[in-house]
Amino acid sequence: MIPNDDDRSLIHELSAAEIARVVCLDCGVNVIEIGDYCMLSPKVWRDQLGLGWDDNLCIACIEKQLGRKLKGLHDICPFRPSKATEGRTR
C-alpha cells in the first residue's frame, strides 16, 4: 500500500525530548529547531569527519570542520525510495 498525503502513519514525529537532544556537537545549536541539518554520505560523515549515527553538527560547523562548503549531491546522502514512498509523486 502506498500512503497518500493524508496518511501520516509512516512518519515518525519526534518527541520534545528527542528534539531537545539534537544539538550540534561544536556550537550547541539545536539543528532541528533552526532547520539547519542534512543527511551526509557515510564517506563524509564517518570517514572524513569521524562521526557516528547519534552525532549532530549544524551545516556551518560541518563546513568549518571540512574546511570547505558542502558540494550538493557529492556530499549529501542521496534519497533512496523505500517501499513506502516508491511510486509517489509530489
Protein backbone atom coordinates (compact mmCIF):
# COMPACT_ATOMS: atom_id res chain seq x y z
CA MET A 1 0.00 0.00 0.00
CA ILE A 2 1.31 3.43 -0.94
CA PRO A 3 0.23 6.10 1.56
CA ASN A 4 -1.37 9.31 0.34
CA ASP A 5 -0.57 12.76 1.70
CA ASP A 6 -3.25 12.36 4.39
CA ASP A 7 -1.71 9.13 5.73
CA ARG A 8 0.89 10.13 8.30
CA SER A 9 1.13 6.66 9.90
CA LEU A 10 4.58 6.06 8.39
CA ILE A 11 6.01 9.37 9.59
CA HIS A 12 7.84 9.34 12.91
CA GLU A 13 7.16 12.50 14.86
CA LEU A 14 9.88 13.44 17.30
CA SER A 15 9.01 14.00 20.94
CA ALA A 16 10.11 17.18 22.74
CA ALA A 17 12.83 15.14 24.50
CA GLU A 18 14.14 13.79 21.17
CA ILE A 19 14.23 17.28 19.64
CA ALA A 20 15.97 18.71 22.72
CA ARG A 21 18.94 16.37 22.35
CA VAL A 22 19.62 17.06 18.65
CA VAL A 23 22.28 19.69 19.19
CA CYS A 24 25.43 20.49 17.25
CA LEU A 25 28.46 18.92 18.92
CA ASP A 26 30.56 22.02 18.16
CA CYS A 27 28.41 25.11 18.75
CA GLY A 28 25.47 23.65 20.71
CA VAL A 29 22.67 24.99 18.49
CA ASN A 30 19.61 22.74 18.17
CA VAL A 31 19.75 21.74 14.50
CA ILE A 32 16.06 20.75 14.29
CA GLU A 33 14.72 23.93 15.88
CA ILE A 34 16.63 26.12 13.43
CA GLY A 35 16.18 23.76 10.46
CA ASP A 36 19.92 23.54 9.87
CA TYR A 37 20.56 19.90 9.11
CA CYS A 38 21.11 17.47 6.25
CA MET A 39 21.97 13.81 5.76
CA LEU A 40 25.57 13.45 4.65
CA SER A 41 27.03 10.50 2.83
CA PRO A 42 28.86 7.99 5.04
CA LYS A 43 32.07 8.87 3.18
CA VAL A 44 31.87 12.42 4.57
CA TRP A 45 30.13 11.83 7.93
CA ARG A 46 32.01 8.78 9.08
CA ASP A 47 35.22 8.70 7.04
CA GLN A 48 36.12 12.40 6.81
CA LEU A 49 34.53 13.76 10.00
CA GLY A 50 34.81 10.61 12.15
CA LEU A 51 31.23 10.93 13.40
CA GLY A 52 28.71 8.29 14.41
CA TRP A 53 25.00 7.74 13.94
CA ASP A 54 23.99 9.71 17.06
CA ASP A 55 26.30 12.68 16.41
CA ASN A 56 25.00 16.01 15.08
CA LEU A 57 26.59 19.06 13.51
CA CYS A 58 24.97 22.16 12.06
CA ILE A 59 25.83 22.93 8.43
CA ALA A 60 28.16 25.79 9.39
CA CYS A 61 30.18 23.52 11.70
CA ILE A 62 30.27 20.73 9.09
CA GLU A 63 31.75 23.18 6.59
CA LYS A 64 34.16 24.53 9.21
CA GLN A 65 35.43 21.02 10.02
CA LEU A 66 35.71 20.10 6.33
CA GLY A 67 37.42 23.40 5.53
CA ARG A 68 35.11 23.90 2.55
CA LYS A 69 31.47 24.35 1.51
CA LEU A 70 29.29 21.27 1.02
CA LYS A 71 29.13 20.13 -2.60
CA GLY A 72 25.49 19.14 -3.01
CA LEU A 73 24.92 15.57 -4.10
CA HIS A 74 28.64 14.83 -3.86
CA ASP A 75 28.46 15.20 -0.07
CA ILE A 76 24.77 14.79 0.75
CA CYS A 77 23.32 11.31 1.02
CA PRO A 78 21.07 10.64 -1.99
CA PHE A 79 17.41 9.86 -1.40
CA ARG A 80 16.65 6.21 -2.00
CA PRO A 81 12.94 5.46 -2.26
CA SER A 82 11.62 2.96 0.25
CA LYS A 83 8.68 0.63 -0.35
CA ALA A 84 6.51 3.20 1.47
CA THR A 85 7.41 6.03 -0.93
CA GLU A 86 8.02 4.10 -4.12
CA GLY A 87 5.91 5.41 -6.98
CA ARG A 88 4.73 8.53 -5.15
CA THR A 89 4.80 11.84 -6.92
CA ARG A 90 4.83 15.28 -5.37
